[in-house]
Amino acid sequence: MNLTHEINHSSERINSANNPVWMDGLRIILGIFLFIKGIMFLEHTSDVFYLFSQSQDVISLKKASMITSLVHIIGGLMIASGSLTRLAILCQMPVVLGAVLIVNPQQGLHIENTELWLSILVLGLLLFFMIVGPGRYSVDNKLLRQKRHTEQE
């Protein structure tokens, strides 16, 4: 009897709607940060162009900087609103991994390289939200939970 109660109680916790509110705030801040980072890529396309030019040809270069910006802008808005959050995080992963493994280490692996540490933090947060889900105040939660309630009735 006690084991059944414990199993039912733990299965309720798996739902991301039971996450604390501070996780929703952190997810929204992460999404807004990625959105702003995408806007900054658009404003500083010459810097992004220079970074990418070391390993690619000119035609794919323009596409790469535009795709990077769009992934951050659209994905950041999706993460902030909590709509298709895990898909948006999956699209962000290659861009942020590239920043952690390729772009930022070129400036050196020292404590003053704040872009590297910021990219590592963002990567950790993306992994965290990939595991725990979008949370209580998200479009995913509102649509999916509403759908489950109508199916049960």
C-alpha atoms as a PDB file:
ATOM      1  CA  MET A   1       0.000   0.000   0.000  1.00  0.00           C
ATOM      2  CA  ASN A   2       2.773   2.406   0.958  1.00  0.00           C
ATOM      3  CA  LEU A   3       4.775   1.461  -2.155  1.00  0.00           C
ATOM      4  CA  THR A   4       1.783   2.186  -4.403  1.00  0.00           C
ATOM      5  CA  HIS A   5       1.308   5.594  -2.795  1.00  0.00           C
ATOM      6  CA  GLU A   6       5.022   6.340  -3.251  1.00  0.00           C
ATOM      7  CA  ILE A   7       4.950   5.340  -6.926  1.00  0.00           C
ATOM      8  CA  ASN A   8       1.872   7.492  -7.601  1.00  0.00           C
ATOM      9  CA  HIS A   9       3.415  10.438  -5.759  1.00  0.00           C
ATOM     10  CA  SER A  10       6.698  10.168  -7.707  1.00  0.00           C
ATOM     11  CA  SER A  11       4.889   9.930 -11.059  1.00  0.00           C
ATOM     12  CA  GLU A  12       3.116  13.220 -10.307  1.00  0.00           C
ATOM     13  CA  ARG A  13       6.479  14.930  -9.755  1.00  0.00           C
ATOM     14  CA  ILE A  14       7.732  13.920 -13.215  1.00  0.00           C
ATOM     15  CA  ASN A  15       5.403  16.486 -14.798  1.00  0.00           C
ATOM     16  CA  SER A  16       7.248  19.762 -15.356  1.00  0.00           C
ATOM     17  CA  ALA A  17       4.180  21.708 -14.195  1.00  0.00           C
ATOM     18  CA  ASN A  18       5.275  20.875 -10.651  1.00  0.00           C
ATOM     19  CA  ASN A  19       8.626  22.633 -11.067  1.00  0.00           C
ATOM     20  CA  PRO A  20       9.246  25.605  -8.776  1.00  0.00           C
ATOM     21  CA  VAL A  21       8.399  29.054 -10.127  1.00  0.00           C
ATOM     22  CA  TRP A  22      12.054  30.166 -10.010  1.00  0.00           C
ATOM     23  CA  MET A  23      12.790  27.616 -12.761  1.00  0.00           C
ATOM     24  CA  ASP A  24      10.243  29.334 -14.995  1.00  0.00           C
ATOM     25  CA  GLY A  25      11.910  32.674 -14.291  1.00  0.00           C
ATOM     26  CA  LEU A  26      15.317  31.192 -15.128  1.00  0.00           C
ATOM     27  CA  ARG A  27      13.962  29.706 -18.377  1.00  0.00           C
ATOM     28  CA  ILE A  28      12.455  33.065 -19.371  1.00  0.00           C
ATOM     29  CA  ILE A  29      15.730  34.875 -18.615  1.00  0.00           C
ATOM     30  CA  LEU A  30      17.656  32.283 -20.662  1.00  0.00           C
ATOM     31  CA  GLY A  31      15.277  32.720 -23.613  1.00  0.00           C
ATOM     32  CA  ILE A  32      15.508  36.513 -23.485  1.00  0.00           C
ATOM     33  CA  PHE A  33      19.304  36.302 -23.262  1.00  0.00           C
ATOM     34  CA  LEU A  34      19.471  34.081 -26.359  1.00  0.00           C
ATOM     35  CA  PHE A  35      17.074  36.410 -28.196  1.00  0.00           C
ATOM     36  CA  ILE A  36      19.281  39.421 -27.382  1.00  0.00           C
ATOM     37  CA  LYS A  37      22.376  37.450 -28.397  1.00  0.00           C
ATOM     38  CA  GLY A  38      20.738  36.750 -31.785  1.00  0.00           C
ATOM     39  CA  ILE A  39      20.007  40.470 -32.259  1.00  0.00           C
ATOM     40  CA  MET A  40      23.634  41.234 -31.353  1.00  0.00           C
ATOM     41  CA  PHE A  41      24.799  38.746 -34.004  1.00  0.00           C
ATOM     42  CA  LEU A  42      22.757  40.646 -36.579  1.00  0.00           C
ATOM     43  CA  GLU A  43      24.222  43.972 -35.451  1.00  0.00           C
ATOM     44  CA  HIS A  44      27.800  42.674 -35.489  1.00  0.00           C
ATOM     45  CA  THR A  45      27.715  40.558 -38.627  1.00  0.00           C
ATOM     46  CA  SER A  46      31.204  41.675 -39.591  1.00  0.00           C
ATOM     47  CA  ASP A  47      32.647  40.158 -36.394  1.00  0.00           C
ATOM     48  CA  VAL A  48      30.696  36.932 -36.886  1.00  0.00           C
ATOM     49  CA  PHE A  49      31.725  36.968 -40.556  1.00  0.00           C
ATOM     50  CA  TYR A  50      35.386  37.225 -39.510  1.00  0.00           C
ATOM     51  CA  LEU A  51      35.105  34.348 -37.032  1.00  0.00           C
ATOM     52  CA  PHE A  52      33.436  32.068 -39.552  1.00  0.00           C
ATOM     53  CA  SER A  53      35.731  33.117 -42.435  1.00  0.00           C
ATOM     54  CA  GLN A  54      38.687  31.301 -40.951  1.00  0.00           C
ATOM     55  CA  SER A  55      37.187  27.934 -41.818  1.00  0.00           C
ATOM     56  CA  GLN A  56      34.546  28.413 -44.547  1.00  0.00           C
ATOM     57  CA  ASP A  57      34.034  29.885 -47.996  1.00  0.00           C
ATOM     58  CA  VAL A  58      32.241  33.201 -48.520  1.00  0.00           C
ATOM     59  CA  ILE A  59      28.905  31.836 -49.832  1.00  0.00           C
ATOM     60  CA  SER A  60      28.228  29.524 -46.885  1.00  0.00           C
ATOM     61  CA  LEU A  61      29.535  32.245 -44.562  1.00  0.00           C
ATOM     62  CA  LYS A  62      26.577  34.572 -45.043  1.00  0.00           C
ATOM     63  CA  LYS A  63      24.198  31.670 -44.535  1.00  0.00           C
ATOM     64  CA  ALA A  64      25.975  30.543 -41.359  1.00  0.00           C
ATOM     65  CA  SER A  65      25.831  33.938 -39.670  1.00  0.00           C
ATOM     66  CA  MET A  66      22.187  34.396 -40.659  1.00  0.00           C
ATOM     67  CA  ILE A  67      21.223  30.907 -39.473  1.00  0.00           C
ATOM     68  CA  THR A  68      23.049  31.463 -36.172  1.00  0.00           C
ATOM     69  CA  SER A  69      21.153  34.701 -35.634  1.00  0.00           C
ATOM     70  CA  LEU A  70      17.793  33.196 -36.552  1.00  0.00           C
ATOM     71  CA  VAL A  71      18.315  30.154 -34.338  1.00  0.00           C
ATOM     72  CA  HIS A  72      19.061  32.408 -31.372  1.00  0.00           C
ATOM     73  CA  ILE A  73      16.204  34.829 -32.085  1.00  0.00           C
ATOM     74  CA  ILE A  74      13.451  32.300 -32.803  1.00  0.00           C
ATOM     75  CA  GLY A  75      14.745  29.703 -30.331  1.00  0.00           C
ATOM     76  CA  GLY A  76      15.153  32.318 -27.613  1.00  0.00           C
ATOM     77  CA  LEU A  77      11.553  33.455 -28.032  1.00  0.00           C
ATOM     78  CA  MET A  78      10.352  29.847 -27.996  1.00  0.00           C
ATOM     79  CA  ILE A  79      12.315  29.080 -24.825  1.00  0.00           C
ATOM     80  CA  ALA A  80      11.123  32.265 -23.110  1.00  0.00           C
ATOM     81  CA  SER A  81       7.478  31.548 -23.900  1.00  0.00           C
ATOM     82  CA  GLY A  82       7.830  27.830 -23.268  1.00  0.00           C
ATOM     83  CA  SER A  83       6.489  26.743 -26.639  1.00  0.00           C
ATOM     84  CA  LEU A  84       8.094  23.594 -28.043  1.00  0.00           C
ATOM     85  CA  THR A  85      10.815  24.202 -25.489  1.00  0.00           C
ATOM     86  CA  ARG A  86      12.769  20.983 -25.902  1.00  0.00           C
ATOM     87  CA  LEU A  87      12.797  21.344 -29.698  1.00  0.00           C
ATOM     88  CA  ALA A  88      14.053  24.924 -29.389  1.00  0.00           C
ATOM     89  CA  ILE A  89      16.751  23.773 -26.970  1.00  0.00           C
ATOM     90  CA  LEU A  90      17.772  21.024 -29.367  1.00  0.00           C
ATOM     91  CA  CYS A  91      18.196  23.618 -32.134  1.00  0.00           C
ATOM     92  CA  GLN A  92      20.267  25.837 -29.807  1.00  0.00           C
ATOM     93  CA  MET A  93      22.670  23.045 -28.795  1.00  0.00           C
ATOM     94  CA  PRO A  94      24.873  22.967 -31.933  1.00  0.00           C
ATOM     95  CA  VAL A  95      25.264  26.751 -31.940  1.00  0.00           C
ATOM     96  CA  VAL A  96      26.189  26.961 -28.259  1.00  0.00           C
ATOM     97  CA  LEU A  97      28.421  23.877 -28.473  1.00  0.00           C
ATOM     98  CA  GLY A  98      30.225  25.536 -31.380  1.00  0.00           C
ATOM     99  CA  ALA A  99      30.701  28.637 -29.254  1.00  0.00           C
ATOM    100  CA  VAL A 100      32.079  26.578 -26.349  1.00  0.00           C
ATOM    101  CA  LEU A 101      34.331  24.254 -28.346  1.00  0.00           C
ATOM    102  CA  ILE A 102      35.430  26.303 -31.379  1.00  0.00           C
ATOM    103  CA  VAL A 103      34.854  30.055 -31.203  1.00  0.00           C
ATOM    104  CA  ASN A 104      35.552  31.099 -27.617  1.00  0.00           C
ATOM    105  CA  PRO A 105      38.633  28.918 -26.915  1.00  0.00           C
ATOM    106  CA  GLN A 106      40.424  30.794 -29.719  1.00  0.00           C
ATOM    107  CA  GLN A 107      40.575  33.772 -27.352  1.00  0.00           C
ATOM    108  CA  GLY A 108      42.265  31.650 -24.703  1.00  0.00           C
ATOM    109  CA  LEU A 109      41.240  29.479 -21.784  1.00  0.00           C
ATOM    110  CA  HIS A 110      41.754  32.011 -19.035  1.00  0.00           C
ATOM    111  CA  ILE A 111      39.464  33.478 -16.400  1.00  0.00           C
ATOM    112  CA  GLU A 112      39.118  36.820 -18.236  1.00  0.00           C
ATOM    113  CA  ASN A 113      37.470  35.150 -21.236  1.00  0.00           C
ATOM    114  CA  THR A 114      33.932  35.876 -20.023  1.00  0.00           C
ATOM    115  CA  GLU A 115      32.318  34.853 -23.318  1.00  0.00           C
ATOM    116  CA  LEU A 116      33.627  31.310 -22.847  1.00  0.00           C
ATOM    117  CA  TRP A 117      32.312  31.067 -19.290  1.00  0.00           C
ATOM    118  CA  LEU A 118      28.989  32.577 -20.348  1.00  0.00           C
ATOM    119  CA  SER A 119      28.697  30.056 -23.173  1.00  0.00           C
ATOM    120  CA  ILE A 120      29.435  27.210 -20.762  1.00  0.00           C
ATOM    121  CA  LEU A 121      26.761  28.537 -18.384  1.00  0.00           C
ATOM    122  CA  VAL A 122      24.209  28.799 -21.205  1.00  0.00           C
ATOM    123  CA  LEU A 123      25.065  25.263 -22.347  1.00  0.00           C
ATOM    124  CA  GLY A 124      24.546  23.996 -18.801  1.00  0.00           C
ATOM    125  CA  LEU A 125      21.195  25.773 -18.551  1.00  0.00           C
ATOM    126  CA  LEU A 126      20.105  24.361 -21.903  1.00  0.00           C
ATOM    127  CA  LEU A 127      20.943  20.849 -20.709  1.00  0.00           C
ATOM    128  CA  PHE A 128      19.127  21.525 -17.430  1.00  0.00           C
ATOM    129  CA  PHE A 129      15.920  22.632 -19.152  1.00  0.00           C
ATOM    130  CA  MET A 130      16.180  19.788 -21.645  1.00  0.00           C
ATOM    131  CA  ILE A 131      15.916  17.433 -18.676  1.00  0.00           C
ATOM    132  CA  VAL A 132      13.418  19.203 -16.384  1.00  0.00           C
ATOM    133  CA  GLY A 133      11.109  20.585 -19.081  1.00  0.00           C
ATOM    134  CA  PRO A 134       9.455  23.942 -19.657  1.00  0.00           C
ATOM    135  CA  GLY A 135       7.719  24.360 -16.305  1.00  0.00           C
ATOM    136  CA  ARG A 136       4.388  25.598 -14.999  1.00  0.00           C
ATOM    137  CA  TYR A 137       4.119  28.929 -16.814  1.00  0.00           C
ATOM    138  CA  SER A 138       4.693  27.828 -20.380  1.00  0.00           C
ATOM    139  CA  VAL A 139       2.696  27.414 -23.548  1.00  0.00           C
ATOM    140  CA  ASP A 140       3.619  23.710 -23.600  1.00  0.00           C
ATOM    141  CA  ASN A 141       2.162  23.168 -20.144  1.00  0.00           C
ATOM    142  CA  LYS A 142      -1.029  25.108 -20.852  1.00  0.00           C
ATOM    143  CA  LEU A 143      -1.756  23.291 -24.122  1.00  0.00           C
ATOM    144  CA  LEU A 144      -0.670  19.789 -23.095  1.00  0.00           C
ATOM    145  CA  ARG A 145      -2.336  19.839 -19.673  1.00  0.00           C
ATOM    146  CA  GLN A 146      -5.551  21.209 -21.169  1.00  0.00           C
ATOM    147  CA  LYS A 147      -5.480  18.408 -23.742  1.00  0.00           C
ATOM    148  CA  ARG A 148      -4.960  15.755 -21.030  1.00  0.00           C
ATOM    149  CA  HIS A 149      -7.858  17.097 -18.947  1.00  0.00           C
ATOM    150  CA  THR A 150     -10.258  16.917 -21.900  1.00  0.00           C
ATOM    151  CA  GLU A 151      -9.111  13.363 -22.737  1.00  0.00           C
ATOM    152  CA  GLN A 152      -9.745  12.199 -19.155  1.00  0.00           C
ATOM    153  CA  GLU A 153     -13.292  13.622 -19.091  1.00  0.00           C
END
